[in-house]
Amino acid sequence: MSSEEWVDLYEAAEDMSVTRQTLYRLLDQFEVERFRRAGQRRVVIRRADLERMKQPIPIDTPRRGRPRGTGQGKLIAAA
């Protein structure tokens, strides 16, 4: 294992310009396997997985949640 094929989560978050919290969400979304080297506390991922997460996503994919403007309108108080 060369050190070039692994990246720790601090470096990965910096490389993607996101917070570590956002990175953890992305790791779950992309189902990226996480590793820890023997005797070390920092978690690492494969550099290939990091590159895969950096690829553009088509914008026509369905979004989660309710589309804007489909909720109840503003309630008007009776006078």
C-alpha atoms as a PDB file:
ATOM      1  CA  MET A   1       0.000   0.000   0.000  1.00  0.00           C
ATOM      2  CA  SER A   2       1.526   3.257  -1.017  1.00  0.00           C
ATOM      3  CA  SER A   3       0.549   6.375   0.910  1.00  0.00           C
ATOM      4  CA  GLU A   4      -0.444   8.009  -2.384  1.00  0.00           C
ATOM      5  CA  GLU A   5      -3.547   5.858  -2.791  1.00  0.00           C
ATOM      6  CA  TRP A   6      -5.014   6.876   0.591  1.00  0.00           C
ATOM      7  CA  VAL A   7      -6.179  10.249   1.906  1.00  0.00           C
ATOM      8  CA  ASP A   8      -7.301  11.112   5.430  1.00  0.00           C
ATOM      9  CA  LEU A   9     -10.639  12.822   5.984  1.00  0.00           C
ATOM     10  CA  TYR A  10      -9.105  16.182   6.919  1.00  0.00           C
ATOM     11  CA  GLU A  11      -7.289  16.300   3.570  1.00  0.00           C
ATOM     12  CA  ALA A  12     -10.358  15.026   1.708  1.00  0.00           C
ATOM     13  CA  ALA A  13     -12.599  17.729   3.188  1.00  0.00           C
ATOM     14  CA  GLU A  14     -10.046  20.414   2.332  1.00  0.00           C
ATOM     15  CA  ASP A  15      -9.616  19.048  -1.195  1.00  0.00           C
ATOM     16  CA  MET A  16     -13.381  19.165  -1.779  1.00  0.00           C
ATOM     17  CA  SER A  17     -13.760  22.553  -0.038  1.00  0.00           C
ATOM     18  CA  VAL A  18     -16.414  21.223   2.345  1.00  0.00           C
ATOM     19  CA  THR A  19     -16.669  20.819   6.103  1.00  0.00           C
ATOM     20  CA  ARG A  20     -15.956  17.437   7.641  1.00  0.00           C
ATOM     21  CA  GLN A  21     -19.638  17.150   8.554  1.00  0.00           C
ATOM     22  CA  THR A  22     -20.590  17.574   4.883  1.00  0.00           C
ATOM     23  CA  LEU A  23     -17.871  15.102   3.914  1.00  0.00           C
ATOM     24  CA  TYR A  24     -19.353  12.480   6.260  1.00  0.00           C
ATOM     25  CA  ARG A  25     -22.748  12.972   4.597  1.00  0.00           C
ATOM     26  CA  LEU A  26     -21.143  12.517   1.176  1.00  0.00           C
ATOM     27  CA  LEU A  27     -19.319   9.387   2.354  1.00  0.00           C
ATOM     28  CA  ASP A  28     -22.662   7.909   3.405  1.00  0.00           C
ATOM     29  CA  GLN A  29     -24.387   9.032   0.199  1.00  0.00           C
ATOM     30  CA  PHE A  30     -21.677   7.516  -2.034  1.00  0.00           C
ATOM     31  CA  GLU A  31     -21.282   4.471   0.250  1.00  0.00           C
ATOM     32  CA  VAL A  32     -17.527   5.009   0.602  1.00  0.00           C
ATOM     33  CA  GLU A  33     -15.704   2.467   2.742  1.00  0.00           C
ATOM     34  CA  ARG A  34     -13.556   3.995   5.507  1.00  0.00           C
ATOM     35  CA  PHE A  35     -10.352   2.542   6.935  1.00  0.00           C
ATOM     36  CA  ARG A  36      -8.010   3.135   9.832  1.00  0.00           C
ATOM     37  CA  ARG A  37      -4.323   2.287   9.706  1.00  0.00           C
ATOM     38  CA  ALA A  38      -2.942   0.164  12.538  1.00  0.00           C
ATOM     39  CA  GLY A  39      -1.794   2.327  15.424  1.00  0.00           C
ATOM     40  CA  GLN A  40      -3.313   5.528  14.020  1.00  0.00           C
ATOM     41  CA  ARG A  41      -6.503   7.343  14.952  1.00  0.00           C
ATOM     42  CA  ARG A  42      -7.214   9.141  11.678  1.00  0.00           C
ATOM     43  CA  VAL A  43      -9.652   7.607   9.241  1.00  0.00           C
ATOM     44  CA  VAL A  44      -8.602   7.270   5.601  1.00  0.00           C
ATOM     45  CA  ILE A  45     -10.407   6.589   2.324  1.00  0.00           C
ATOM     46  CA  ARG A  46      -9.160   5.514  -1.071  1.00  0.00           C
ATOM     47  CA  ARG A  47      -8.097   8.380  -3.323  1.00  0.00           C
ATOM     48  CA  ALA A  48     -10.160   6.787  -6.134  1.00  0.00           C
ATOM     49  CA  ASP A  49     -13.300   7.130  -3.969  1.00  0.00           C
ATOM     50  CA  LEU A  50     -12.479  10.788  -3.341  1.00  0.00           C
ATOM     51  CA  GLU A  51     -12.127  11.386  -7.079  1.00  0.00           C
ATOM     52  CA  ARG A  52     -15.439   9.568  -7.689  1.00  0.00           C
ATOM     53  CA  MET A  53     -17.193  11.895  -5.212  1.00  0.00           C
ATOM     54  CA  LYS A  54     -15.762  14.938  -7.011  1.00  0.00           C
ATOM     55  CA  GLN A  55     -17.365  14.001 -10.348  1.00  0.00           C
ATOM     56  CA  PRO A  56     -20.326  16.147 -11.492  1.00  0.00           C
ATOM     57  CA  ILE A  57     -23.827  14.809 -10.893  1.00  0.00           C
ATOM     58  CA  PRO A  58     -26.561  15.316 -13.513  1.00  0.00           C
ATOM     59  CA  ILE A  59     -28.988  17.988 -12.347  1.00  0.00           C
ATOM     60  CA  ASP A  60     -32.045  16.161 -13.673  1.00  0.00           C
ATOM     61  CA  THR A  61     -31.822  13.635 -10.839  1.00  0.00           C
ATOM     62  CA  PRO A  62     -34.797  13.689  -8.483  1.00  0.00           C
ATOM     63  CA  ARG A  63     -34.270  15.735  -5.356  1.00  0.00           C
ATOM     64  CA  ARG A  64     -35.308  14.712  -1.890  1.00  0.00           C
ATOM     65  CA  GLY A  65     -38.125  16.481  -0.139  1.00  0.00           C
ATOM     66  CA  ARG A  66     -41.101  18.468  -1.300  1.00  0.00           C
ATOM     67  CA  PRO A  67     -40.696  20.817  -4.285  1.00  0.00           C
ATOM     68  CA  ARG A  68     -40.892  24.488  -3.460  1.00  0.00           C
ATOM     69  CA  GLY A  69     -44.307  26.092  -3.632  1.00  0.00           C
ATOM     70  CA  THR A  70     -46.275  22.907  -2.977  1.00  0.00           C
ATOM     71  CA  GLY A  71     -46.947  23.509   0.710  1.00  0.00           C
ATOM     72  CA  GLN A  72     -49.814  25.326   2.301  1.00  0.00           C
ATOM     73  CA  GLY A  73     -50.144  28.967   1.442  1.00  0.00           C
ATOM     74  CA  LYS A  74     -49.862  31.667   4.049  1.00  0.00           C
ATOM     75  CA  LEU A  75     -52.704  31.594   6.497  1.00  0.00           C
ATOM     76  CA  ILE A  76     -54.685  34.806   6.613  1.00  0.00           C
ATOM     77  CA  ALA A  77     -56.083  35.756  10.001  1.00  0.00           C
ATOM     78  CA  ALA A  78     -59.789  36.498  10.090  1.00  0.00           C
ATOM     79  CA  ALA A  79     -60.570  40.074  11.041  1.00  0.00           C
END
